[in-house]
C-alpha atoms as a PDB file:
ATOM      1  CA  UNK A   1     -17.647  21.737 124.254  1.00  0.00           C
ATOM      2  CA  UNK A   2     -15.730  18.493 124.628  1.00  0.00           C
ATOM      3  CA  UNK A   3     -17.927  15.577 123.770  1.00  0.00           C
ATOM      4  CA  UNK A   4     -16.014  12.815 125.486  1.00  0.00           C
ATOM      5  CA  UNK A   5     -16.574  13.727 129.144  1.00  0.00           C
ATOM      6  CA  UNK A   6     -17.921  10.904 131.319  1.00  0.00           C
ATOM      7  CA  UNK A   7     -21.553  11.056 132.375  1.00  0.00           C
ATOM      8  CA  UNK A   8     -20.335  11.323 135.960  1.00  0.00           C
ATOM      9  CA  UNK A   9     -18.724  14.718 135.297  1.00  0.00           C
ATOM     10  CA  UNK A  10     -20.556  17.790 136.520  1.00  0.00           C
ATOM     11  CA  UNK A  11     -22.049  19.757 133.682  1.00  0.00           C
ATOM     12  CA  UNK A  12     -21.059  23.378 133.292  1.00  0.00           C
ATOM     13  CA  UNK A  13     -24.380  24.788 134.464  1.00  0.00           C
ATOM     14  CA  UNK A  14     -24.229  22.770 137.690  1.00  0.00           C
ATOM     15  CA  UNK A  15     -20.661  23.909 138.248  1.00  0.00           C
ATOM     16  CA  UNK A  16     -21.388  27.586 137.700  1.00  0.00           C
ATOM     17  CA  UNK A  17     -24.428  27.412 139.958  1.00  0.00           C
ATOM     18  CA  UNK A  18     -22.384  25.780 142.698  1.00  0.00           C
ATOM     19  CA  UNK A  19     -19.576  28.272 142.247  1.00  0.00           C
ATOM     20  CA  UNK A  20     -21.886  31.252 142.508  1.00  0.00           C
ATOM     21  CA  UNK A  21     -23.388  29.727 145.621  1.00  0.00           C
ATOM     22  CA  UNK A  22     -19.956  29.765 147.205  1.00  0.00           C
ATOM     23  CA  UNK A  23     -19.213  26.063 147.104  1.00  0.00           C
ATOM     24  CA  UNK A  24     -15.753  26.609 145.653  1.00  0.00           C
ATOM     25  CA  UNK A  25     -14.560  27.748 149.061  1.00  0.00           C
ATOM     26  CA  UNK A  26     -15.323  24.253 150.361  1.00  0.00           C
ATOM     27  CA  UNK A  27     -13.228  22.619 147.721  1.00  0.00           C
ATOM     28  CA  UNK A  28      -9.652  22.029 148.781  1.00  0.00           C
ATOM     29  CA  UNK A  29      -9.701  23.472 152.257  1.00  0.00           C
ATOM     30  CA  UNK A  30      -7.460  26.552 152.024  1.00  0.00           C
ATOM     31  CA  UNK A  31      -7.532  26.738 148.225  1.00  0.00           C
ATOM     32  CA  UNK A  32     -10.248  28.397 146.140  1.00  0.00           C
ATOM     33  CA  UNK A  33     -10.435  25.421 143.794  1.00  0.00           C
ATOM     34  CA  UNK A  34     -13.322  23.100 142.885  1.00  0.00           C
ATOM     35  CA  UNK A  35     -12.526  19.589 144.021  1.00  0.00           C
ATOM     36  CA  UNK A  36     -12.660  16.517 141.795  1.00  0.00           C
ATOM     37  CA  UNK A  37     -16.295  15.818 142.483  1.00  0.00           C
ATOM     38  CA  UNK A  38     -17.614  12.585 143.896  1.00  0.00           C
ATOM     39  CA  UNK A  39     -18.996  10.521 141.059  1.00  0.00           C
ATOM     40  CA  UNK A  40     -22.715   9.768 141.272  1.00  0.00           C
ATOM     41  CA  UNK A  41     -23.063   6.205 140.054  1.00  0.00           C
ATOM     42  CA  UNK A  42     -20.055   6.612 137.744  1.00  0.00           C
ATOM     43  CA  UNK A  43     -16.991   4.456 137.214  1.00  0.00           C
ATOM     44  CA  UNK A  44     -15.128   5.536 140.341  1.00  0.00           C
ATOM     45  CA  UNK A  45     -15.110   7.739 143.425  1.00  0.00           C
ATOM     46  CA  UNK A  46     -13.859  10.866 141.603  1.00  0.00           C
ATOM     47  CA  UNK A  47     -15.202  12.683 138.549  1.00  0.00           C
ATOM     48  CA  UNK A  48     -13.551  15.212 136.276  1.00  0.00           C
ATOM     49  CA  UNK A  49     -14.299  18.843 137.211  1.00  0.00           C
ATOM     50  CA  UNK A  50     -15.457  20.869 134.209  1.00  0.00           C
ATOM     51  CA  UNK A  51     -13.320  23.550 132.658  1.00  0.00           C
ATOM     52  CA  UNK A  52     -14.030  27.018 134.073  1.00  0.00           C
ATOM     53  CA  UNK A  53     -14.411  28.402 130.527  1.00  0.00           C
ATOM     54  CA  UNK A  54     -15.322  27.078 127.039  1.00  0.00           C
ATOM     55  CA  UNK A  55     -12.598  24.963 125.434  1.00  0.00           C
ATOM     56  CA  UNK A  56     -11.926  27.626 122.766  1.00  0.00           C
ATOM     57  CA  UNK A  57     -11.886  30.574 125.188  1.00  0.00           C
ATOM     58  CA  UNK A  58      -8.081  30.792 125.470  1.00  0.00           C
ATOM     59  CA  UNK A  59      -7.467  30.843 121.721  1.00  0.00           C
ATOM     60  CA  UNK A  60      -5.216  31.853 120.045  1.00  0.00           C
ATOM     61  CA  UNK A  61      -2.777  31.758 122.994  1.00  0.00           C
ATOM     62  CA  UNK A  62      -3.825  28.179 123.745  1.00  0.00           C
ATOM     63  CA  UNK A  63      -5.914  26.559 121.032  1.00  0.00           C
ATOM     64  CA  UNK A  64      -9.078  24.521 121.444  1.00  0.00           C
ATOM     65  CA  UNK A  65      -7.136  21.656 119.854  1.00  0.00           C
ATOM     66  CA  UNK A  66      -4.588  21.730 122.680  1.00  0.00           C
ATOM     67  CA  UNK A  67      -7.338  21.968 125.311  1.00  0.00           C
ATOM     68  CA  UNK A  68      -9.139  19.040 123.686  1.00  0.00           C
ATOM     69  CA  UNK A  69      -6.149  16.743 124.056  1.00  0.00           C
ATOM     70  CA  UNK A  70      -4.829  18.190 127.317  1.00  0.00           C
ATOM     71  CA  UNK A  71      -8.112  18.184 129.215  1.00  0.00           C
ATOM     72  CA  UNK A  72     -10.080  15.551 127.358  1.00  0.00           C
ATOM     73  CA  UNK A  73      -7.265  12.987 127.093  1.00  0.00           C
ATOM     74  CA  UNK A  74      -4.465  13.711 129.594  1.00  0.00           C
ATOM     75  CA  UNK A  75      -6.466  15.083 132.532  1.00  0.00           C
ATOM     76  CA  UNK A  76      -9.201  12.532 131.940  1.00  0.00           C
ATOM     77  CA  UNK A  77      -6.596   9.769 131.734  1.00  0.00           C
ATOM     78  CA  UNK A  78      -5.098  10.659 135.127  1.00  0.00           C
ATOM     79  CA  UNK A  79      -8.604  10.679 136.589  1.00  0.00           C
ATOM     80  CA  UNK A  80      -9.417   7.260 135.131  1.00  0.00           C
ATOM     81  CA  UNK A  81      -6.154   5.815 136.440  1.00  0.00           C
ATOM     82  CA  UNK A  82      -6.767   7.246 139.906  1.00  0.00           C
ATOM     83  CA  UNK A  83     -10.258   5.766 140.102  1.00  0.00           C
ATOM     84  CA  UNK A  84      -8.913   2.336 139.177  1.00  0.00           C
ATOM     85  CA  UNK A  85      -6.059   2.563 141.677  1.00  0.00           C
ATOM     86  CA  UNK A  86      -8.127   3.614 144.707  1.00  0.00           C
ATOM     87  CA  UNK A  87     -11.197   1.468 144.013  1.00  0.00           C
ATOM     88  CA  UNK A  88     -11.997  -0.668 147.048  1.00  0.00           C
ATOM     89  CA  UNK A  89      -9.412   1.040 149.264  1.00  0.00           C
ATOM     90  CA  UNK A  90      -9.866   3.492 152.175  1.00  0.00           C
ATOM     91  CA  UNK A  91      -8.451   6.227 149.911  1.00  0.00           C
ATOM     92  CA  UNK A  92     -11.613   6.100 147.816  1.00  0.00           C
ATOM     93  CA  UNK A  93     -13.486   7.803 150.662  1.00  0.00           C
ATOM     94  CA  UNK A  94     -11.001  10.654 151.103  1.00  0.00           C
ATOM     95  CA  UNK A  95     -10.701  14.022 149.401  1.00  0.00           C
ATOM     96  CA  UNK A  96      -8.222  14.359 146.563  1.00  0.00           C
ATOM     97  CA  UNK A  97      -5.944  16.546 148.664  1.00  0.00           C
ATOM     98  CA  UNK A  98      -6.005  13.965 151.471  1.00  0.00           C
ATOM     99  CA  UNK A  99      -5.083  11.226 149.000  1.00  0.00           C
ATOM    100  CA  UNK A 100      -2.092  13.269 147.815  1.00  0.00           C
ATOM    101  CA  UNK A 101      -0.832  13.918 151.339  1.00  0.00           C
ATOM    102  CA  UNK A 102      -1.384  10.303 152.416  1.00  0.00           C
ATOM    103  CA  UNK A 103       0.622   8.870 149.516  1.00  0.00           C
ATOM    104  CA  UNK A 104       3.404  11.452 149.083  1.00  0.00           C
ATOM    105  CA  UNK A 105       6.860   9.947 149.464  1.00  0.00           C
ATOM    106  CA  UNK A 106       5.615   6.355 149.797  1.00  0.00           C
ATOM    107  CA  UNK A 107       7.307   4.123 147.259  1.00  0.00           C
ATOM    108  CA  UNK A 108       4.516   1.549 147.270  1.00  0.00           C
ATOM    109  CA  UNK A 109       1.911   4.224 146.481  1.00  0.00           C
ATOM    110  CA  UNK A 110       3.764   6.213 143.839  1.00  0.00           C
ATOM    111  CA  UNK A 111       1.227   5.448 141.125  1.00  0.00           C
ATOM    112  CA  UNK A 112      -1.654   6.697 143.274  1.00  0.00           C
ATOM    113  CA  UNK A 113       0.252   9.844 144.219  1.00  0.00           C
ATOM    114  CA  UNK A 114       1.240  10.599 140.628  1.00  0.00           C
ATOM    115  CA  UNK A 115      -2.277  10.303 139.265  1.00  0.00           C
ATOM    116  CA  UNK A 116      -3.971  12.069 142.192  1.00  0.00           C
ATOM    117  CA  UNK A 117      -1.465  14.920 142.073  1.00  0.00           C
ATOM    118  CA  UNK A 118      -1.852  15.289 138.322  1.00  0.00           C
ATOM    119  CA  UNK A 119      -5.635  15.495 138.658  1.00  0.00           C
ATOM    120  CA  UNK A 120      -5.187  18.206 141.311  1.00  0.00           C
ATOM    121  CA  UNK A 121      -2.421  20.053 139.456  1.00  0.00           C
ATOM    122  CA  UNK A 122      -4.394  20.177 136.230  1.00  0.00           C
ATOM    123  CA  UNK A 123      -7.557  21.437 137.919  1.00  0.00           C
ATOM    124  CA  UNK A 124      -5.471  24.126 139.608  1.00  0.00           C
ATOM    125  CA  UNK A 125      -3.858  25.010 136.267  1.00  0.00           C
ATOM    126  CA  UNK A 126      -7.190  25.471 134.478  1.00  0.00           C
ATOM    127  CA  UNK A 127      -8.278  27.842 137.227  1.00  0.00           C
ATOM    128  CA  UNK A 128      -4.952  29.695 137.008  1.00  0.00           C
ATOM    129  CA  UNK A 129      -5.933  30.762 133.475  1.00  0.00           C
ATOM    130  CA  UNK A 130      -8.732  32.932 132.172  1.00  0.00           C
ATOM    131  CA  UNK A 131      -9.638  34.646 128.903  1.00  0.00           C
ATOM    132  CA  UNK A 132      -8.274  38.205 128.743  1.00  0.00           C
ATOM    133  CA  UNK A 133      -6.082  37.553 131.762  1.00  0.00           C
ATOM    134  CA  UNK A 134      -2.464  38.476 132.323  1.00  0.00           C
ATOM    135  CA  UNK A 135      -1.131  41.879 133.169  1.00  0.00           C
ATOM    136  CA  UNK A 136      -0.292  42.920 136.711  1.00  0.00           C
ATOM    137  CA  UNK A 137      -2.238  42.027 139.855  1.00  0.00           C
ATOM    138  CA  UNK A 138      -3.532  44.602 142.301  1.00  0.00           C
ATOM    139  CA  UNK A 139      -4.310  44.932 145.973  1.00  0.00           C
ATOM    140  CA  UNK A 140      -2.692  42.836 148.681  1.00  0.00           C
ATOM    141  CA  UNK A 141      -1.273  40.407 146.131  1.00  0.00           C
ATOM    142  CA  UNK A 142       0.580  43.169 144.279  1.00  0.00           C
ATOM    143  CA  UNK A 143       1.966  44.469 147.562  1.00  0.00           C
ATOM    144  CA  UNK A 144       3.227  41.037 148.596  1.00  0.00           C
ATOM    145  CA  UNK A 145       4.794  40.450 145.166  1.00  0.00           C
ATOM    146  CA  UNK A 146       6.630  43.747 145.483  1.00  0.00           C
ATOM    147  CA  UNK A 147       7.738  42.898 149.009  1.00  0.00           C
ATOM    148  CA  UNK A 148       8.876  39.393 148.028  1.00  0.00           C
ATOM    149  CA  UNK A 149      10.506  40.045 144.647  1.00  0.00           C
ATOM    150  CA  UNK A 150      11.185  43.784 144.458  1.00  0.00           C
ATOM    151  CA  UNK A 151       8.623  44.488 141.730  1.00  0.00           C
ATOM    152  CA  UNK A 152       6.337  42.705 139.276  1.00  0.00           C
ATOM    153  CA  UNK A 153       8.905  42.582 136.460  1.00  0.00           C
ATOM    154  CA  UNK A 154      11.391  40.805 138.722  1.00  0.00           C
ATOM    155  CA  UNK A 155       8.707  38.301 139.702  1.00  0.00           C
ATOM    156  CA  UNK A 156       7.805  37.720 136.058  1.00  0.00           C
ATOM    157  CA  UNK A 157      11.442  37.129 135.107  1.00  0.00           C
ATOM    158  CA  UNK A 158      11.939  34.691 137.984  1.00  0.00           C
ATOM    159  CA  UNK A 159       8.741  32.811 137.187  1.00  0.00           C
ATOM    160  CA  UNK A 160       9.603  32.564 133.481  1.00  0.00           C
ATOM    161  CA  UNK A 161      13.092  31.336 134.381  1.00  0.00           C
ATOM    162  CA  UNK A 162      11.647  28.601 136.605  1.00  0.00           C
ATOM    163  CA  UNK A 163       9.122  27.533 133.971  1.00  0.00           C
ATOM    164  CA  UNK A 164      11.584  27.414 131.098  1.00  0.00           C
ATOM    165  CA  UNK A 165      14.382  25.992 133.246  1.00  0.00           C
ATOM    166  CA  UNK A 166      12.410  23.006 134.523  1.00  0.00           C
ATOM    167  CA  UNK A 167      14.228  20.087 132.909  1.00  0.00           C
ATOM    168  CA  UNK A 168      11.738  17.724 131.334  1.00  0.00           C
ATOM    169  CA  UNK A 169       8.112  17.666 132.408  1.00  0.00           C
ATOM    170  CA  UNK A 170       6.782  19.617 135.367  1.00  0.00           C
ATOM    171  CA  UNK A 171       5.222  22.766 136.737  1.00  0.00           C
ATOM    172  CA  UNK A 172       6.120  26.334 137.718  1.00  0.00           C
ATOM    173  CA  UNK A 173       4.355  27.766 140.767  1.00  0.00           C
ATOM    174  CA  UNK A 174       3.824  30.954 142.711  1.00  0.00           C
ATOM    175  CA  UNK A 175       3.393  29.869 146.323  1.00  0.00           C
ATOM    176  CA  UNK A 176       3.037  31.439 149.733  1.00  0.00           C
ATOM    177  CA  UNK A 177       5.760  30.137 152.008  1.00  0.00           C
ATOM    178  CA  UNK A 178       5.495  31.577 155.496  1.00  0.00           C
ATOM    179  CA  UNK A 179       4.987  35.330 155.261  1.00  0.00           C
ATOM    180  CA  UNK A 180       6.376  35.752 151.740  1.00  0.00           C
ATOM    181  CA  UNK A 181       5.835  34.588 148.183  1.00  0.00           C
ATOM    182  CA  UNK A 182       8.329  32.434 146.309  1.00  0.00           C
ATOM    183  CA  UNK A 183       8.581  30.937 142.851  1.00  0.00           C
ATOM    184  CA  UNK A 184       9.206  27.230 142.755  1.00  0.00           C
ATOM    185  CA  UNK A 185       9.129  24.409 140.232  1.00  0.00           C
ATOM    186  CA  UNK A 186       8.251  20.750 140.548  1.00  0.00           C
ATOM    187  CA  UNK A 187       9.073  17.822 138.313  1.00  0.00           C
ATOM    188  CA  UNK A 188       6.536  15.447 136.806  1.00  0.00           C
ATOM    189  CA  UNK A 189       3.531  15.137 139.161  1.00  0.00           C
ATOM    190  CA  UNK A 190       5.025  16.725 142.272  1.00  0.00           C
ATOM    191  CA  UNK A 191       2.988  19.491 143.854  1.00  0.00           C
ATOM    192  CA  UNK A 192       3.595  22.134 146.546  1.00  0.00           C
ATOM    193  CA  UNK A 193       0.721  20.876 148.681  1.00  0.00           C
ATOM    194  CA  UNK A 194       2.746  17.722 149.334  1.00  0.00           C
ATOM    195  CA  UNK A 195       5.478  19.975 150.743  1.00  0.00           C
ATOM    196  CA  UNK A 196       3.299  22.102 153.020  1.00  0.00           C
ATOM    197  CA  UNK A 197       3.314  25.150 150.745  1.00  0.00           C
ATOM    198  CA  UNK A 198       0.280  27.156 149.659  1.00  0.00           C
ATOM    199  CA  UNK A 199       0.069  27.501 145.863  1.00  0.00           C
ATOM    200  CA  UNK A 200      -1.456  30.640 144.386  1.00  0.00           C
ATOM    201  CA  UNK A 201      -1.133  29.811 140.688  1.00  0.00           C
ATOM    202  CA  UNK A 202       0.678  27.450 138.339  1.00  0.00           C
ATOM    203  CA  UNK A 203       1.747  27.035 134.715  1.00  0.00           C
ATOM    204  CA  UNK A 204       1.977  23.543 133.254  1.00  0.00           C
ATOM    205  CA  UNK A 205       5.235  22.953 131.356  1.00  0.00           C
ATOM    206  CA  UNK A 206       4.655  19.360 130.326  1.00  0.00           C
ATOM    207  CA  UNK A 207       5.030  19.243 126.538  1.00  0.00           C
ATOM    208  CA  UNK A 208       1.393  18.293 126.047  1.00  0.00           C
ATOM    209  CA  UNK A 209       0.459  21.720 127.475  1.00  0.00           C
ATOM    210  CA  UNK A 210       2.019  23.647 124.600  1.00  0.00           C
ATOM    211  CA  UNK A 211       3.560  21.482 121.874  1.00  0.00           C
ATOM    212  CA  UNK A 212       0.652  21.552 119.420  1.00  0.00           C
ATOM    213  CA  UNK A 213       0.701  25.367 119.480  1.00  0.00           C
ATOM    214  CA  UNK A 214       4.348  26.226 120.169  1.00  0.00           C
ATOM    215  CA  UNK A 215       6.350  23.086 119.306  1.00  0.00           C
ATOM    216  CA  UNK A 216       9.667  23.379 121.176  1.00  0.00           C
ATOM    217  CA  UNK A 217       9.210  27.098 122.014  1.00  0.00           C
ATOM    218  CA  UNK A 218       8.362  26.648 125.685  1.00  0.00           C
ATOM    219  CA  UNK A 219       9.611  30.130 126.531  1.00  0.00           C
ATOM    220  CA  UNK A 220       7.151  31.719 124.094  1.00  0.00           C
ATOM    221  CA  UNK A 221       4.289  29.726 125.631  1.00  0.00           C
ATOM    222  CA  UNK A 222       5.241  30.771 129.173  1.00  0.00           C
ATOM    223  CA  UNK A 223       5.495  34.478 128.309  1.00  0.00           C
ATOM    224  CA  UNK A 224       2.209  34.359 126.376  1.00  0.00           C
ATOM    225  CA  UNK A 225       0.404  32.783 129.332  1.00  0.00           C
ATOM    226  CA  UNK A 226       1.807  35.327 131.775  1.00  0.00           C
ATOM    227  CA  UNK A 227       0.969  38.254 129.497  1.00  0.00           C
ATOM    228  CA  UNK A 228      -2.462  37.159 128.275  1.00  0.00           C
ATOM    229  CA  UNK A 229      -4.021  34.389 130.367  1.00  0.00           C
ATOM    230  CA  UNK A 230      -2.814  34.272 133.968  1.00  0.00           C
ATOM    231  CA  UNK A 231      -5.731  34.582 136.394  1.00  0.00           C
ATOM    232  CA  UNK A 232      -4.693  37.010 139.107  1.00  0.00           C
ATOM    233  CA  UNK A 233      -8.172  36.963 140.637  1.00  0.00           C
ATOM    234  CA  UNK A 234      -7.739  33.250 141.355  1.00  0.00           C
ATOM    235  CA  UNK A 235      -4.299  33.860 142.863  1.00  0.00           C
ATOM    236  CA  UNK A 236      -5.716  36.622 145.059  1.00  0.00           C
ATOM    237  CA  UNK A 237      -8.509  34.332 146.263  1.00  0.00           C
ATOM    238  CA  UNK A 238      -5.947  31.706 147.228  1.00  0.00           C
ATOM    239  CA  UNK A 239      -3.834  34.288 149.045  1.00  0.00           C
ATOM    240  CA  UNK A 240      -6.848  35.454 151.038  1.00  0.00           C
ATOM    241  CA  UNK A 241      -8.177  31.968 151.828  1.00  0.00           C
END
């Protein structure tokens, strides 16, 4: 596993125990996602949630090398920045989702929003993936995809188009908007929760998410994730929450 996690981070055994006990449902309110945990005597109010799988579990679609840099450097870096920015402020006592909503659209708090949203987005992304994932969903989620897009293949094409068509850095999302599902994309650190939408899953299309494995072939990365890694169980949990 990654060796450079801060001591304040939850270890994997603690996380799995908490998850099995049902604590994930307490995480981000309506979303089945573990929150950035409160640091116990660490360097700030938030700690980095552990990955939901070993860092080599997504290989060869996403290599352990990519996970090492993406999670251990980028995600950790956003977390470190956030802790520095909120230290000594009322935001340090709020949940990560509350910090995002409180700072969204405020020019004087852009740095806090960007780092908080990136911590949230990345945690959501890790949970949107799983080893031996992909394929088609079932149950109520499959029915709503068919109702919203026509069929799964049309959804997949629309999602891939959004992910590959996002100019520069950003994210592609499947979200619940009212009584239907839509595909949307956000630039940089923006996130659907700042816009009142309910995300079900996401794919990170910042270059650091895929460049070590795919270089400039973003489209190949997106299709590979959809076919082999997307976590439909997580999306279904979010739909039902």
